[in-house]
Amino acid sequence: MGKCEMERGMKALLLFVGLCILLVLCWPLAILAIILLPIVWLLSLPLRLVGITVHAVFALIRALLLLPARLLGWRDNKAKA
């Protein structure tokens, strides 16, 4: 089981426990949260796609700017680690 899978599982568990606590304390708010959570998730998808695209563009620009140095033999210290 990878670290990413464990983090995703922990987030799901915390969300479930939070919803259960909210259901006990204030059930109308918990039902509203259950209804609005998928809507908020759907609205955030385009923002995630924009973030992925911007990250890819910056990675491309960085690769293009560092290409001459890499051709001359410079190596990134992060790549070795």
N, C-alpha and C. Protein backbone atom coordinates (compact mmCIF):
# COMPACT_ATOMS: atom_id res chain seq x y z
N MET A 1 0.85 -1.17 0.00
CA MET A 1 0.00 0.00 0.00
C MET A 1 0.90 1.24 0.00
N GLY A 2 0.74 2.09 -1.02
CA GLY A 2 1.59 3.27 -1.17
C GLY A 2 1.17 4.41 -0.25
N LYS A 3 2.05 5.38 -0.19
CA LYS A 3 1.80 6.53 0.67
C LYS A 3 0.59 7.32 0.18
N CYS A 4 0.44 7.45 -1.13
CA CYS A 4 -0.68 8.20 -1.70
C CYS A 4 -2.01 7.52 -1.38
N GLU A 5 -2.02 6.20 -1.46
CA GLU A 5 -3.25 5.46 -1.14
C GLU A 5 -3.61 5.61 0.33
N MET A 6 -2.60 5.62 1.21
CA MET A 6 -2.87 5.79 2.63
C MET A 6 -3.41 7.17 2.93
N GLU A 7 -2.86 8.20 2.26
CA GLU A 7 -3.35 9.56 2.47
C GLU A 7 -4.78 9.70 1.98
N ARG A 8 -5.09 9.10 0.83
CA ARG A 8 -6.45 9.15 0.30
C ARG A 8 -7.42 8.43 1.24
N GLY A 9 -7.00 7.31 1.77
CA GLY A 9 -7.84 6.57 2.71
C GLY A 9 -8.06 7.34 4.01
N MET A 10 -7.01 8.02 4.47
CA MET A 10 -7.13 8.80 5.70
C MET A 10 -8.07 9.98 5.50
N LYS A 11 -8.00 10.63 4.34
CA LYS A 11 -8.91 11.75 4.05
C LYS A 11 -10.36 11.26 4.01
N ALA A 12 -10.58 10.11 3.40
CA ALA A 12 -11.94 9.56 3.33
C ALA A 12 -12.45 9.21 4.73
N LEU A 13 -11.57 8.64 5.55
CA LEU A 13 -11.97 8.30 6.92
C LEU A 13 -12.30 9.54 7.73
N LEU A 14 -11.46 10.57 7.62
CA LEU A 14 -11.74 11.81 8.35
C LEU A 14 -13.03 12.46 7.87
N LEU A 15 -13.29 12.42 6.58
CA LEU A 15 -14.54 12.96 6.05
C LEU A 15 -15.73 12.18 6.60
N PHE A 16 -15.63 10.86 6.64
CA PHE A 16 -16.72 10.04 7.15
C PHE A 16 -16.97 10.29 8.64
N VAL A 17 -15.90 10.34 9.42
CA VAL A 17 -16.04 10.59 10.86
C VAL A 17 -16.61 11.98 11.10
N GLY A 18 -16.14 12.96 10.33
CA GLY A 18 -16.67 14.32 10.45
C GLY A 18 -18.15 14.38 10.12
N LEU A 19 -18.56 13.68 9.07
CA LEU A 19 -19.98 13.65 8.73
C LEU A 19 -20.81 12.94 9.80
N CYS A 20 -20.27 11.89 10.39
CA CYS A 20 -20.99 11.20 11.46
C CYS A 20 -21.16 12.10 12.68
N ILE A 21 -20.10 12.82 13.06
CA ILE A 21 -20.20 13.74 14.18
C ILE A 21 -21.19 14.85 13.87
N LEU A 22 -21.13 15.36 12.66
CA LEU A 22 -22.06 16.41 12.26
C LEU A 22 -23.49 15.89 12.22
N LEU A 23 -23.67 14.64 11.84
CA LEU A 23 -25.00 14.04 11.81
C LEU A 23 -25.59 13.95 13.22
N VAL A 24 -24.75 13.65 14.19
CA VAL A 24 -25.22 13.56 15.58
C VAL A 24 -25.52 14.96 16.14
N LEU A 25 -24.66 15.92 15.84
CA LEU A 25 -24.82 17.25 16.41
C LEU A 25 -25.90 18.08 15.71
N CYS A 26 -25.91 18.03 14.39
CA CYS A 26 -26.84 18.87 13.63
C CYS A 26 -27.17 18.16 12.33
N TRP A 27 -28.21 17.31 12.33
CA TRP A 27 -28.49 16.48 11.17
C TRP A 27 -28.91 17.26 9.92
N PRO A 28 -29.61 18.41 10.01
CA PRO A 28 -29.91 19.11 8.75
C PRO A 28 -28.66 19.63 8.04
N LEU A 29 -27.69 20.09 8.82
CA LEU A 29 -26.44 20.56 8.24
C LEU A 29 -25.66 19.40 7.62
N ALA A 30 -25.71 18.24 8.23
CA ALA A 30 -25.02 17.07 7.69
C ALA A 30 -25.64 16.63 6.37
N ILE A 31 -26.96 16.65 6.28
CA ILE A 31 -27.62 16.29 5.03
C ILE A 31 -27.30 17.31 3.94
N LEU A 32 -27.27 18.59 4.30
CA LEU A 32 -26.90 19.63 3.35
C LEU A 32 -25.46 19.43 2.87
N ALA A 33 -24.56 19.05 3.77
CA ALA A 33 -23.17 18.80 3.39
C ALA A 33 -23.07 17.60 2.45
N ILE A 34 -23.87 16.56 2.70
CA ILE A 34 -23.85 15.37 1.84
C ILE A 34 -24.34 15.73 0.44
N ILE A 35 -25.32 16.62 0.36
CA ILE A 35 -25.86 17.02 -0.94
C ILE A 35 -24.90 17.96 -1.67
N LEU A 36 -24.27 18.89 -0.95
CA LEU A 36 -23.42 19.89 -1.59
C LEU A 36 -22.01 19.40 -1.90
N LEU A 37 -21.53 18.36 -1.22
CA LEU A 37 -20.16 17.89 -1.44
C LEU A 37 -19.90 17.46 -2.89
N PRO A 38 -20.75 16.67 -3.52
CA PRO A 38 -20.50 16.32 -4.94
C PRO A 38 -20.58 17.54 -5.87
N ILE A 39 -21.44 18.50 -5.55
CA ILE A 39 -21.55 19.69 -6.39
C ILE A 39 -20.27 20.52 -6.31
N VAL A 40 -19.76 20.68 -5.11
CA VAL A 40 -18.51 21.43 -4.93
C VAL A 40 -17.36 20.70 -5.61
N TRP A 41 -17.35 19.38 -5.54
CA TRP A 41 -16.30 18.60 -6.19
C TRP A 41 -16.36 18.78 -7.71
N LEU A 42 -17.57 18.77 -8.28
CA LEU A 42 -17.71 18.97 -9.72
C LEU A 42 -17.28 20.37 -10.14
N LEU A 43 -17.57 21.36 -9.30
CA LEU A 43 -17.17 22.73 -9.63
C LEU A 43 -15.66 22.92 -9.52
N SER A 44 -14.99 22.13 -8.69
CA SER A 44 -13.54 22.29 -8.52
C SER A 44 -12.74 21.54 -9.59
N LEU A 45 -13.36 20.64 -10.34
CA LEU A 45 -12.63 19.90 -11.37
C LEU A 45 -11.98 20.79 -12.43
N PRO A 46 -12.69 21.80 -12.97
CA PRO A 46 -12.01 22.66 -13.96
C PRO A 46 -10.81 23.39 -13.37
N LEU A 47 -10.89 23.77 -12.10
CA LEU A 47 -9.76 24.45 -11.47
C LEU A 47 -8.56 23.52 -11.33
N ARG A 48 -8.83 22.25 -11.06
CA ARG A 48 -7.73 21.27 -11.00
C ARG A 48 -7.08 21.11 -12.37
N LEU A 49 -7.91 21.06 -13.42
CA LEU A 49 -7.37 20.93 -14.77
C LEU A 49 -6.52 22.15 -15.14
N VAL A 50 -6.96 23.33 -14.75
CA VAL A 50 -6.17 24.54 -15.00
C VAL A 50 -4.84 24.46 -14.24
N GLY A 51 -4.88 23.99 -13.00
CA GLY A 51 -3.66 23.86 -12.22
C GLY A 51 -2.68 22.87 -12.83
N ILE A 52 -3.19 21.75 -13.32
CA ILE A 52 -2.33 20.75 -13.96
C ILE A 52 -1.72 21.32 -15.23
N THR A 53 -2.52 22.06 -16.00
CA THR A 53 -2.03 22.65 -17.24
C THR A 53 -0.96 23.70 -16.97
N VAL A 54 -1.19 24.56 -15.99
CA VAL A 54 -0.20 25.59 -15.66
C VAL A 54 1.09 24.95 -15.18
N HIS A 55 0.99 23.91 -14.37
CA HIS A 55 2.18 23.20 -13.90
C HIS A 55 2.95 22.61 -15.09
N ALA A 56 2.25 22.03 -16.04
CA ALA A 56 2.90 21.44 -17.21
C ALA A 56 3.57 22.51 -18.07
N VAL A 57 2.93 23.66 -18.22
CA VAL A 57 3.52 24.74 -19.02
C VAL A 57 4.80 25.25 -18.35
N PHE A 58 4.77 25.43 -17.02
CA PHE A 58 5.98 25.88 -16.33
C PHE A 58 7.09 24.83 -16.41
N ALA A 59 6.75 23.56 -16.36
CA ALA A 59 7.76 22.51 -16.49
C ALA A 59 8.37 22.53 -17.89
N LEU A 60 7.55 22.79 -18.90
CA LEU A 60 8.07 22.88 -20.27
C LEU A 60 8.99 24.08 -20.42
N ILE A 61 8.59 25.22 -19.88
CA ILE A 61 9.43 26.42 -19.97
C ILE A 61 10.75 26.19 -19.24
N ARG A 62 10.71 25.55 -18.08
CA ARG A 62 11.93 25.27 -17.32
C ARG A 62 12.85 24.34 -18.11
N ALA A 63 12.24 23.32 -18.75
CA ALA A 63 13.05 22.39 -19.53
C ALA A 63 13.69 23.09 -20.72
N LEU A 64 12.95 23.98 -21.37
CA LEU A 64 13.51 24.71 -22.51
C LEU A 64 14.63 25.66 -22.08
N LEU A 65 14.45 26.33 -20.94
CA LEU A 65 15.48 27.25 -20.47
C LEU A 65 16.74 26.53 -20.00
N LEU A 66 16.58 25.35 -19.45
CA LEU A 66 17.75 24.60 -18.95
C LEU A 66 18.37 23.67 -19.99
N LEU A 67 17.77 23.61 -21.18
CA LEU A 67 18.30 22.72 -22.21
C LEU A 67 19.75 23.03 -22.59
N PRO A 68 20.12 24.29 -22.81
CA PRO A 68 21.53 24.54 -23.15
C PRO A 68 22.50 24.09 -22.05
N ALA A 69 22.13 24.31 -20.81
CA ALA A 69 23.00 23.90 -19.70
C ALA A 69 23.11 22.38 -19.64
N ARG A 70 22.01 21.70 -19.87
CA ARG A 70 22.06 20.24 -19.83
C ARG A 70 22.88 19.68 -20.99
N LEU A 71 22.82 20.35 -22.13
CA LEU A 71 23.63 19.90 -23.26
C LEU A 71 25.12 20.09 -23.00
N LEU A 72 25.47 21.08 -22.16
CA LEU A 72 26.87 21.33 -21.82
C LEU A 72 27.35 20.48 -20.65
N GLY A 73 26.49 19.65 -20.08
CA GLY A 73 26.93 18.73 -19.05
C GLY A 73 26.50 19.06 -17.64
N TRP A 74 25.71 20.10 -17.43
CA TRP A 74 25.22 20.43 -16.09
C TRP A 74 24.15 19.44 -15.68
N ARG A 75 24.22 18.98 -14.42
CA ARG A 75 23.21 18.06 -13.92
C ARG A 75 22.55 18.67 -12.69
N ASP A 76 21.23 18.47 -12.61
CA ASP A 76 20.46 19.00 -11.50
C ASP A 76 20.72 18.14 -10.26
N ASN A 77 20.98 18.76 -9.10
CA ASN A 77 21.23 18.01 -7.87
C ASN A 77 19.99 17.26 -7.42
N LYS A 78 18.80 17.79 -7.73
CA LYS A 78 17.57 17.12 -7.34
C LYS A 78 17.39 15.80 -8.08
N ALA A 79 17.90 15.72 -9.29
CA ALA A 79 17.74 14.51 -10.08
C ALA A 79 18.56 13.36 -9.49
N LYS A 80 19.67 13.67 -8.83
CA LYS A 80 20.51 12.63 -8.22
C LYS A 80 19.90 12.06 -6.96
N ALA A 81 19.15 12.86 -6.23
CA ALA A 81 18.59 12.43 -4.95
C ALA A 81 17.41 11.52 -5.13
